């Protein structure tokens, strides 16, 4: 029962908070703009369901490229760091000898 009251209280608090934020004119206009934008996207996806798959594929491809480039840079950094360490070791060995 207490869990039910907690969920109800959280829901009511979220609704009241949302309504209070909509008292601000800028927030209202931005919310209306975003809802209209979301509505047009949903309508577009309903009319052209293949575009959803294409958008997902492009997002995946973009993310994959970012991850690949990041890994390549990391490998280059590690390689450079290893060569610097070898140079330092050689210098230390030559100074000690």
PDB file of N, CA and C in Angstrom:
ATOM      1  N   UNK A   1       0.828  -1.193   0.000  1.00  0.00           N
ATOM      2  CA  UNK A   1       0.000   0.000   0.000  1.00  0.00           C
ATOM      3  C   UNK A   1       0.866   1.248   0.000  1.00  0.00           C
ATOM      4  N   UNK A   2       1.951   1.242   0.802  1.00  0.00           N
ATOM      5  CA  UNK A   2       2.813   2.416   0.859  1.00  0.00           C
ATOM      6  C   UNK A   2       3.484   2.666  -0.481  1.00  0.00           C
ATOM      7  N   UNK A   3       3.852   1.592  -1.177  1.00  0.00           N
ATOM      8  CA  UNK A   3       4.469   1.754  -2.486  1.00  0.00           C
ATOM      9  C   UNK A   3       3.481   2.417  -3.441  1.00  0.00           C
ATOM     10  N   UNK A   4       2.233   2.039  -3.337  1.00  0.00           N
ATOM     11  CA  UNK A   4       1.197   2.622  -4.172  1.00  0.00           C
ATOM     12  C   UNK A   4       1.059   4.113  -3.874  1.00  0.00           C
ATOM     13  N   UNK A   5       1.106   4.466  -2.587  1.00  0.00           N
ATOM     14  CA  UNK A   5       1.013   5.878  -2.216  1.00  0.00           C
ATOM     15  C   UNK A   5       2.225   6.654  -2.713  1.00  0.00           C
ATOM     16  N   UNK A   6       3.383   6.040  -2.642  1.00  0.00           N
ATOM     17  CA  UNK A   6       4.595   6.698  -3.111  1.00  0.00           C
ATOM     18  C   UNK A   6       4.500   6.993  -4.600  1.00  0.00           C
ATOM     19  N   UNK A   7       4.077   6.007  -5.373  1.00  0.00           N
ATOM     20  CA  UNK A   7       3.951   6.200  -6.821  1.00  0.00           C
ATOM     21  C   UNK A   7       2.906   7.259  -7.145  1.00  0.00           C
ATOM     22  N   UNK A   8       1.786   7.210  -6.443  1.00  0.00           N
ATOM     23  CA  UNK A   8       0.741   8.216  -6.668  1.00  0.00           C
ATOM     24  C   UNK A   8       1.255   9.602  -6.318  1.00  0.00           C
ATOM     25  N   UNK A   9       1.950   9.716  -5.193  1.00  0.00           N
ATOM     26  CA  UNK A   9       2.497  11.007  -4.784  1.00  0.00           C
ATOM     27  C   UNK A   9       3.510  11.540  -5.779  1.00  0.00           C
ATOM     28  N   UNK A  10       4.367  10.657  -6.280  1.00  0.00           N
ATOM     29  CA  UNK A  10       5.353  11.082  -7.275  1.00  0.00           C
ATOM     30  C   UNK A  10       4.665  11.535  -8.557  1.00  0.00           C
ATOM     31  N   UNK A  11       3.642  10.806  -8.979  1.00  0.00           N
ATOM     32  CA  UNK A  11       2.917  11.161 -10.196  1.00  0.00           C
ATOM     33  C   UNK A  11       2.221  12.505 -10.035  1.00  0.00           C
ATOM     34  N   UNK A  12       1.542  12.689  -8.907  1.00  0.00           N
ATOM     35  CA  UNK A  12       0.841  13.961  -8.661  1.00  0.00           C
ATOM     36  C   UNK A  12       1.842  15.107  -8.585  1.00  0.00           C
ATOM     37  N   UNK A  13       2.971  14.896  -7.906  1.00  0.00           N
ATOM     38  CA  UNK A  13       4.000  15.930  -7.813  1.00  0.00           C
ATOM     39  C   UNK A  13       4.562  16.300  -9.174  1.00  0.00           C
ATOM     40  N   UNK A  14       4.779  15.301 -10.018  1.00  0.00           N
ATOM     41  CA  UNK A  14       5.292  15.570 -11.363  1.00  0.00           C
ATOM     42  C   UNK A  14       4.280  16.364 -12.177  1.00  0.00           C
ATOM     43  N   UNK A  15       3.006  16.002 -12.056  1.00  0.00           N
ATOM     44  CA  UNK A  15       1.965  16.731 -12.795  1.00  0.00           C
ATOM     45  C   UNK A  15       1.864  18.174 -12.323  1.00  0.00           C
ATOM     46  N   UNK A  16       1.861  18.375 -11.015  1.00  0.00           N
ATOM     47  CA  UNK A  16       1.772  19.736 -10.468  1.00  0.00           C
ATOM     48  C   UNK A  16       2.997  20.546 -10.882  1.00  0.00           C
ATOM     49  N   UNK A  17       4.180  19.949 -10.788  1.00  0.00           N
ATOM     50  CA  UNK A  17       5.402  20.647 -11.194  1.00  0.00           C
ATOM     51  C   UNK A  17       5.378  21.011 -12.664  1.00  0.00           C
ATOM     52  N   UNK A  18       4.919  20.089 -13.492  1.00  0.00           N
ATOM     53  CA  UNK A  18       4.812  20.369 -14.923  1.00  0.00           C
ATOM     54  C   UNK A  18       3.851  21.500 -15.215  1.00  0.00           C
ATOM     55  N   UNK A  19       2.719  21.500 -14.525  1.00  0.00           N
ATOM     56  CA  UNK A  19       1.743  22.577 -14.727  1.00  0.00           C
ATOM     57  C   UNK A  19       2.296  23.918 -14.264  1.00  0.00           C
ATOM     58  N   UNK A  20       3.008  23.925 -13.148  1.00  0.00           N
ATOM     59  CA  UNK A  20       3.578  25.179 -12.653  1.00  0.00           C
ATOM     60  C   UNK A  20       4.629  25.737 -13.613  1.00  0.00           C
ATOM     61  N   UNK A  21       5.421  24.868 -14.215  1.00  0.00           N
ATOM     62  CA  UNK A  21       6.426  25.365 -15.156  1.00  0.00           C
ATOM     63  C   UNK A  21       5.788  25.931 -16.409  1.00  0.00           C
ATOM     64  N   UNK A  22       4.586  25.453 -16.739  1.00  0.00           N
ATOM     65  CA  UNK A  22       3.912  25.967 -17.928  1.00  0.00           C
ATOM     66  C   UNK A  22       3.304  27.351 -17.708  1.00  0.00           C
ATOM     67  N   UNK A  23       3.391  27.882 -16.494  1.00  0.00           N
ATOM     68  CA  UNK A  23       2.932  29.254 -16.263  1.00  0.00           C
ATOM     69  C   UNK A  23       3.843  30.260 -16.965  1.00  0.00           C
ATOM     70  N   UNK A  24       5.096  29.884 -17.193  1.00  0.00           N
ATOM     71  CA  UNK A  24       6.042  30.748 -17.892  1.00  0.00           C
ATOM     72  C   UNK A  24       5.762  30.703 -19.393  1.00  0.00           C
ATOM     73  N   UNK A  25       5.628  31.880 -20.005  1.00  0.00           N
ATOM     74  CA  UNK A  25       5.270  31.977 -21.418  1.00  0.00           C
ATOM     75  C   UNK A  25       6.326  31.330 -22.321  1.00  0.00           C
ATOM     76  N   UNK A  26       7.610  31.574 -22.053  1.00  0.00           N
ATOM     77  CA  UNK A  26       8.669  31.003 -22.887  1.00  0.00           C
ATOM     78  C   UNK A  26       8.662  29.478 -22.820  1.00  0.00           C
ATOM     79  N   UNK A  27       8.431  28.950 -21.638  1.00  0.00           N
ATOM     80  CA  UNK A  27       8.376  27.496 -21.478  1.00  0.00           C
ATOM     81  C   UNK A  27       7.200  26.925 -22.254  1.00  0.00           C
ATOM     82  N   UNK A  28       6.068  27.617 -22.182  1.00  0.00           N
ATOM     83  CA  UNK A  28       4.876  27.165 -22.907  1.00  0.00           C
ATOM     84  C   UNK A  28       5.123  27.142 -24.408  1.00  0.00           C
ATOM     85  N   UNK A  29       5.674  28.228 -24.948  1.00  0.00           N
ATOM     86  CA  UNK A  29       5.887  28.283 -26.397  1.00  0.00           C
ATOM     87  C   UNK A  29       6.910  27.235 -26.840  1.00  0.00           C
ATOM     88  N   UNK A  30       7.964  27.041 -26.049  1.00  0.00           N
ATOM     89  CA  UNK A  30       8.967  26.025 -26.387  1.00  0.00           C
ATOM     90  C   UNK A  30       8.355  24.630 -26.323  1.00  0.00           C
ATOM     91  N   UNK A  31       7.505  24.376 -25.334  1.00  0.00           N
ATOM     92  CA  UNK A  31       6.850  23.073 -25.207  1.00  0.00           C
ATOM     93  C   UNK A  31       5.933  22.821 -26.396  1.00  0.00           C
ATOM     94  N   UNK A  32       5.166  23.833 -26.779  1.00  0.00           N
ATOM     95  CA  UNK A  32       4.265  23.693 -27.931  1.00  0.00           C
ATOM     96  C   UNK A  32       5.078  23.415 -29.189  1.00  0.00           C
ATOM     97  N   UNK A  33       6.196  24.123 -29.354  1.00  0.00           N
ATOM     98  CA  UNK A  33       7.040  23.931 -30.533  1.00  0.00           C
ATOM     99  C   UNK A  33       7.590  22.504 -30.573  1.00  0.00           C
ATOM    100  N   UNK A  34       8.058  22.013 -29.437  1.00  0.00           N
ATOM    101  CA  UNK A  34       8.621  20.661 -29.395  1.00  0.00           C
ATOM    102  C   UNK A  34       7.554  19.591 -29.621  1.00  0.00           C
ATOM    103  N   UNK A  35       6.358  19.813 -29.090  1.00  0.00           N
ATOM    104  CA  UNK A  35       5.272  18.844 -29.297  1.00  0.00           C
ATOM    105  C   UNK A  35       4.881  18.804 -30.771  1.00  0.00           C
ATOM    106  N   UNK A  36       4.805  19.976 -31.414  1.00  0.00           N
ATOM    107  CA  UNK A  36       4.480  20.012 -32.846  1.00  0.00           C
ATOM    108  C   UNK A  36       5.566  19.320 -33.664  1.00  0.00           C
ATOM    109  N   UNK A  37       6.812  19.541 -33.297  1.00  0.00           N
ATOM    110  CA  UNK A  37       7.930  18.902 -33.998  1.00  0.00           C
ATOM    111  C   UNK A  37       7.856  17.379 -33.843  1.00  0.00           C
ATOM    112  N   UNK A  38       7.588  16.914 -32.630  1.00  0.00           N
ATOM    113  CA  UNK A  38       7.468  15.472 -32.385  1.00  0.00           C
ATOM    114  C   UNK A  38       6.289  14.891 -33.162  1.00  0.00           C
ATOM    115  N   UNK A  39       5.190  15.638 -33.206  1.00  0.00           N
ATOM    116  CA  UNK A  39       4.001  15.187 -33.930  1.00  0.00           C
ATOM    117  C   UNK A  39       4.309  15.017 -35.415  1.00  0.00           C
ATOM    118  N   UNK A  40       5.009  15.990 -35.987  1.00  0.00           N
ATOM    119  CA  UNK A  40       5.325  15.893 -37.413  1.00  0.00           C
ATOM    120  C   UNK A  40       6.287  14.733 -37.693  1.00  0.00           C
ATOM    121  N   UNK A  41       7.226  14.484 -36.776  1.00  0.00           N
ATOM    122  CA  UNK A  41       8.139  13.349 -36.964  1.00  0.00           C
ATOM    123  C   UNK A  41       7.382  12.028 -36.903  1.00  0.00           C
ATOM    124  N   UNK A  42       6.475  11.908 -35.943  1.00  0.00           N
ATOM    125  CA  UNK A  42       5.700  10.670 -35.815  1.00  0.00           C
ATOM    126  C   UNK A  42       4.836  10.462 -37.051  1.00  0.00           C
ATOM    127  N   UNK A  43       4.197  11.528 -37.531  1.00  0.00           N
ATOM    128  CA  UNK A  43       3.377  11.410 -38.733  1.00  0.00           C
ATOM    129  C   UNK A  43       4.223  10.992 -39.932  1.00  0.00           C
ATOM    130  N   UNK A  44       5.417  11.555 -40.025  1.00  0.00           N
ATOM    131  CA  UNK A  44       6.320  11.197 -41.118  1.00  0.00           C
ATOM    132  C   UNK A  44       6.719   9.730 -41.029  1.00  0.00           C
ATOM    133  N   UNK A  45       7.019   9.256 -39.818  1.00  0.00           N
ATOM    134  CA  UNK A  45       7.406   7.859 -39.645  1.00  0.00           C
ATOM    135  C   UNK A  45       6.241   6.915 -39.923  1.00  0.00           C
ATOM    136  N   UNK A  46       5.023   7.343 -39.600  1.00  0.00           N
ATOM    137  CA  UNK A  46       3.857   6.500 -39.875  1.00  0.00           C
ATOM    138  C   UNK A  46       3.654   6.379 -41.384  1.00  0.00           C
ATOM    139  N   UNK A  47       3.841   7.483 -42.102  1.00  0.00           N
ATOM    140  CA  UNK A  47       3.668   7.462 -43.558  1.00  0.00           C
ATOM    141  C   UNK A  47       4.814   6.729 -44.253  1.00  0.00           C
ATOM    142  N   UNK A  48       6.017   6.836 -43.699  1.00  0.00           N
ATOM    143  CA  UNK A  48       7.206   6.250 -44.323  1.00  0.00           C
ATOM    144  C   UNK A  48       7.974   5.417 -43.291  1.00  0.00           C
ATOM    145  N   UNK A  49       7.494   4.220 -42.980  1.00  0.00           N
ATOM    146  CA  UNK A  49       8.148   3.415 -41.940  1.00  0.00           C
ATOM    147  C   UNK A  49       9.587   3.020 -42.288  1.00  0.00           C
ATOM    148  N   UNK A  50       9.914   2.958 -43.562  1.00  0.00           N
ATOM    149  CA  UNK A  50      11.285   2.599 -43.942  1.00  0.00           C
ATOM    150  C   UNK A  50      12.274   3.673 -43.502  1.00  0.00           C
ATOM    151  N   UNK A  51      11.805   4.902 -43.382  1.00  0.00           N
ATOM    152  CA  UNK A  51      12.705   5.981 -42.965  1.00  0.00           C
ATOM    153  C   UNK A  51      13.157   5.793 -41.515  1.00  0.00           C
ATOM    154  N   UNK A  52      12.329   5.136 -40.704  1.00  0.00           N
ATOM    155  CA  UNK A  52      12.728   4.847 -39.320  1.00  0.00           C
ATOM    156  C   UNK A  52      13.947   3.926 -39.329  1.00  0.00           C
ATOM    157  N   UNK A  53      13.880   2.899 -40.140  1.00  0.00           N
ATOM    158  CA  UNK A  53      14.990   1.952 -40.227  1.00  0.00           C
ATOM    159  C   UNK A  53      16.230   2.647 -40.769  1.00  0.00           C
ATOM    160  N   UNK A  54      16.053   3.482 -41.778  1.00  0.00           N
ATOM    161  CA  UNK A  54      17.184   4.199 -42.362  1.00  0.00           C
ATOM    162  C   UNK A  54      17.810   5.150 -41.343  1.00  0.00           C
ATOM    163  N   UNK A  55      16.981   5.866 -40.589  1.00  0.00           N
ATOM    164  CA  UNK A  55      17.502   6.781 -39.565  1.00  0.00           C
ATOM    165  C   UNK A  55      18.268   6.013 -38.486  1.00  0.00           C
ATOM    166  N   UNK A  56      17.725   4.873 -38.074  1.00  0.00           N
ATOM    167  CA  UNK A  56      18.416   4.044 -37.072  1.00  0.00           C
ATOM    168  C   UNK A  56      19.745   3.544 -37.620  1.00  0.00           C
ATOM    169  N   UNK A  57      19.750   3.115 -38.866  1.00  0.00           N
ATOM    170  CA  UNK A  57      20.975   2.618 -39.482  1.00  0.00           C
ATOM    171  C   UNK A  57      22.022   3.731 -39.562  1.00  0.00           C
ATOM    172  N   UNK A  58      21.597   4.929 -39.972  1.00  0.00           N
ATOM    173  CA  UNK A  58      22.538   6.043 -40.067  1.00  0.00           C
ATOM    174  C   UNK A  58      23.087   6.419 -38.695  1.00  0.00           C
ATOM    175  N   UNK A  59      22.236   6.389 -37.680  1.00  0.00           N
ATOM    176  CA  UNK A  59      22.698   6.672 -36.325  1.00  0.00           C
ATOM    177  C   UNK A  59      23.699   5.634 -35.854  1.00  0.00           C
ATOM    178  N   UNK A  60      23.417   4.370 -36.142  1.00  0.00           N
ATOM    179  CA  UNK A  60      24.331   3.291 -35.771  1.00  0.00           C
ATOM    180  C   UNK A  60      25.660   3.444 -36.507  1.00  0.00           C
ATOM    181  N   UNK A  61      25.583   3.759 -37.789  1.00  0.00           N
ATOM    182  CA  UNK A  61      26.799   3.913 -38.594  1.00  0.00           C
ATOM    183  C   UNK A  61      27.652   5.072 -38.080  1.00  0.00           C
ATOM    184  N   UNK A  62      26.999   6.161 -37.740  1.00  0.00           N
ATOM    185  CA  UNK A  62      27.711   7.324 -37.208  1.00  0.00           C
ATOM    186  C   UNK A  62      28.386   6.985 -35.883  1.00  0.00           C
ATOM    187  N   UNK A  63      27.660   6.332 -35.005  1.00  0.00           N
ATOM    188  CA  UNK A  63      28.221   5.933 -33.711  1.00  0.00           C
ATOM    189  C   UNK A  63      29.375   4.955 -33.897  1.00  0.00           C
ATOM    190  N   UNK A  64      29.222   4.039 -34.823  1.00  0.00           N
ATOM    191  CA  UNK A  64      30.275   3.071 -35.106  1.00  0.00           C
ATOM    192  C   UNK A  64      31.541   3.770 -35.590  1.00  0.00           C
ATOM    193  N   UNK A  65      31.388   4.772 -36.442  1.00  0.00           N
ATOM    194  CA  UNK A  65      32.547   5.525 -36.933  1.00  0.00           C
ATOM    195  C   UNK A  65      33.243   6.273 -35.805  1.00  0.00           C
ATOM    196  N   UNK A  66      32.464   6.865 -34.923  1.00  0.00           N
ATOM    197  CA  UNK A  66      33.047   7.600 -33.796  1.00  0.00           C
ATOM    198  C   UNK A  66      33.841   6.651 -32.902  1.00  0.00           C
ATOM    199  N   UNK A  67      33.263   5.494 -32.602  1.00  0.00           N
ATOM    200  CA  UNK A  67      33.947   4.520 -31.743  1.00  0.00           C
ATOM    201  C   UNK A  67      35.223   4.019 -32.421  1.00  0.00           C
ATOM    202  N   UNK A  68      35.145   3.720 -33.711  1.00  0.00           N
ATOM    203  CA  UNK A  68      36.320   3.240 -34.442  1.00  0.00           C
ATOM    204  C   UNK A  68      37.430   4.281 -34.442  1.00  0.00           C
ATOM    205  N   UNK A  69      37.077   5.537 -34.721  1.00  0.00           N
ATOM    206  CA  UNK A  69      38.080   6.602 -34.726  1.00  0.00           C
ATOM    207  C   UNK A  69      38.688   6.793 -33.344  1.00  0.00           C
ATOM    208  N   UNK A  70      37.866   6.718 -32.322  1.00  0.00           N
ATOM    209  CA  UNK A  70      38.365   6.874 -30.954  1.00  0.00           C
ATOM    210  C   UNK A  70      39.330   5.746 -30.598  1.00  0.00           C
ATOM    211  N   UNK A  71      38.998   4.535 -30.986  1.00  0.00           N
ATOM    212  CA  UNK A  71      39.887   3.406 -30.714  1.00  0.00           C
ATOM    213  C   UNK A  71      41.202   3.539 -31.479  1.00  0.00           C
ATOM    214  N   UNK A  72      41.131   3.996 -32.721  1.00  0.00           N
ATOM    215  CA  UNK A  72      42.357   4.212 -33.495  1.00  0.00           C
ATOM    216  C   UNK A  72      43.254   5.244 -32.827  1.00  0.00           C
ATOM    217  N   UNK A  73      42.656   6.334 -32.362  1.00  0.00           N
ATOM    218  CA  UNK A  73      43.435   7.362 -31.669  1.00  0.00           C
ATOM    219  C   UNK A  73      44.053   6.812 -30.388  1.00  0.00           C
ATOM    220  N   UNK A  74      43.294   6.015 -29.670  1.00  0.00           N
ATOM    221  CA  UNK A  74      43.807   5.423 -28.433  1.00  0.00           C
ATOM    222  C   UNK A  74      44.988   4.500 -28.720  1.00  0.00           C
ATOM    223  N   UNK A  75      44.879   3.700 -29.752  1.00  0.00           N
ATOM    224  CA  UNK A  75      45.978   2.805 -30.126  1.00  0.00           C
ATOM    225  C   UNK A  75      47.214   3.611 -30.505  1.00  0.00           C
ATOM    226  N   UNK A  76      47.027   4.694 -31.260  1.00  0.00           N
ATOM    227  CA  UNK A  76      48.157   5.553 -31.627  1.00  0.00           C
ATOM    228  C   UNK A  76      48.813   6.158 -30.394  1.00  0.00           C
ATOM    229  N   UNK A  77      47.996   6.610 -29.454  1.00  0.00           N
ATOM    230  CA  UNK A  77      48.547   7.195 -28.230  1.00  0.00           C
ATOM    231  C   UNK A  77      49.349   6.172 -27.432  1.00  0.00           C
ATOM    232  N   UNK A  78      48.821   4.968 -27.321  1.00  0.00           N
ATOM    233  CA  UNK A  78      49.527   3.920 -26.580  1.00  0.00           C
ATOM    234  C   UNK A  78      50.844   3.584 -27.277  1.00  0.00           C
ATOM    235  N   UNK A  79      50.824   3.498 -28.590  1.00  0.00           N
ATOM    236  CA  UNK A  79      52.044   3.208 -29.347  1.00  0.00           C
ATOM    237  C   UNK A  79      53.084   4.304 -29.137  1.00  0.00           C
ATOM    238  N   UNK A  80      52.650   5.557 -29.221  1.00  0.00           N
ATOM    239  CA  UNK A  80      53.572   6.677 -28.993  1.00  0.00           C
ATOM    240  C   UNK A  80      54.116   6.656 -27.570  1.00  0.00           C
ATOM    241  N   UNK A  81      53.271   6.358 -26.628  1.00  0.00           N
ATOM    242  CA  UNK A  81      53.695   6.309 -25.231  1.00  0.00           C
ATOM    243  C   UNK A  81      54.728   5.206 -25.017  1.00  0.00           C
ATOM    244  N   UNK A  82      54.511   4.064 -25.662  1.00  0.00           N
ATOM    245  CA  UNK A  82      55.474   2.965 -25.551  1.00  0.00           C
ATOM    246  C   UNK A  82      56.832   3.364 -26.115  1.00  0.00           C
ATOM    247  N   UNK A  83      56.826   4.041 -27.257  1.00  0.00           N
ATOM    248  CA  UNK A  83      58.106   4.447 -27.847  1.00  0.00           C
ATOM    249  C   UNK A  83      58.810   5.475 -26.966  1.00  0.00           C
ATOM    250  N   UNK A  84      58.057   6.365 -26.358  1.00  0.00           N
ATOM    251  CA  UNK A  84      58.654   7.346 -25.444  1.00  0.00           C
ATOM    252  C   UNK A  84      59.251   6.635 -24.236  1.00  0.00           C
ATOM    253  N   UNK A  85      58.541   5.658 -23.697  1.00  0.00           N
ATOM    254  CA  UNK A  85      59.055   4.896 -22.556  1.00  0.00           C
ATOM    255  C   UNK A  85      60.342   4.154 -22.913  1.00  0.00           C
ATOM    256  N   UNK A  86      60.400   3.582 -24.110  1.00  0.00           N
ATOM    257  CA  UNK A  86      61.613   2.885 -24.539  1.00  0.00           C
ATOM    258  C   UNK A  86      62.789   3.855 -24.616  1.00  0.00           C
ATOM    259  N   UNK A  87      62.536   5.051 -25.157  1.00  0.00           N
ATOM    260  CA  UNK A  87      63.597   6.058 -25.247  1.00  0.00           C
ATOM    261  C   UNK A  87      64.087   6.453 -23.859  1.00  0.00           C
ATOM    262  N   UNK A  88      63.154   6.637 -22.936  1.00  0.00           N
ATOM    263  CA  UNK A  88      63.521   7.015 -21.570  1.00  0.00           C
ATOM    264  C   UNK A  88      64.322   5.890 -20.917  1.00  0.00           C
ATOM    265  N   UNK A  89      63.893   4.640 -21.106  1.00  0.00           N
ATOM    266  CA  UNK A  89      64.623   3.503 -20.545  1.00  0.00           C
ATOM    267  C   UNK A  89      66.042   3.428 -21.103  1.00  0.00           C
ATOM    268  N   UNK A  90      66.173   3.642 -22.406  1.00  0.00           N
ATOM    269  CA  UNK A  90      67.499   3.605 -23.028  1.00  0.00           C
ATOM    270  C   UNK A  90      68.390   4.716 -22.483  1.00  0.00           C
ATOM    271  N   UNK A  91      67.802   5.893 -22.304  1.00  0.00           N
ATOM    272  CA  UNK A  91      68.570   7.022 -21.777  1.00  0.00           C
ATOM    273  C   UNK A  91      69.016   6.734 -20.348  1.00  0.00           C
ATOM    274  N   UNK A  92      68.110   6.176 -19.555  1.00  0.00           N
ATOM    275  CA  UNK A  92      68.454   5.845 -18.167  1.00  0.00           C
ATOM    276  C   UNK A  92      69.543   4.775 -18.142  1.00  0.00           C
ATOM    277  N   UNK A  93      69.403   3.755 -18.991  1.00  0.00           N
ATOM    278  CA  UNK A  93      70.401   2.688 -19.048  1.00  0.00           C
ATOM    279  C   UNK A  93      71.765   3.229 -19.480  1.00  0.00           C
ATOM    280  N   UNK A  94      71.773   4.136 -20.447  1.00  0.00           N
ATOM    281  CA  UNK A  94      73.050   4.694 -20.914  1.00  0.00           C
ATOM    282  C   UNK A  94      73.671   5.610 -19.858  1.00  0.00           C
ATOM    283  N   UNK A  95      72.838   6.311 -19.090  1.00  0.00           N
ATOM    284  CA  UNK A  95      73.351   7.187 -18.031  1.00  0.00           C
ATOM    285  C   UNK A  95      73.903   6.373 -16.866  1.00  0.00           C
ATOM    286  N   UNK A  96      73.268   5.245 -16.568  1.00  0.00           N
ATOM    287  CA  UNK A  96      73.698   4.400 -15.459  1.00  0.00           C
ATOM    288  C   UNK A  96      75.007   3.688 -15.823  1.00  0.00           C
ATOM    289  N   UNK A  97      75.158   3.312 -17.073  1.00  0.00           N
ATOM    290  CA  UNK A  97      76.357   2.566 -17.498  1.00  0.00           C
ATOM    291  C   UNK A  97      77.563   3.410 -17.585  1.00  0.00           C
TER     292      UNK A  97
END
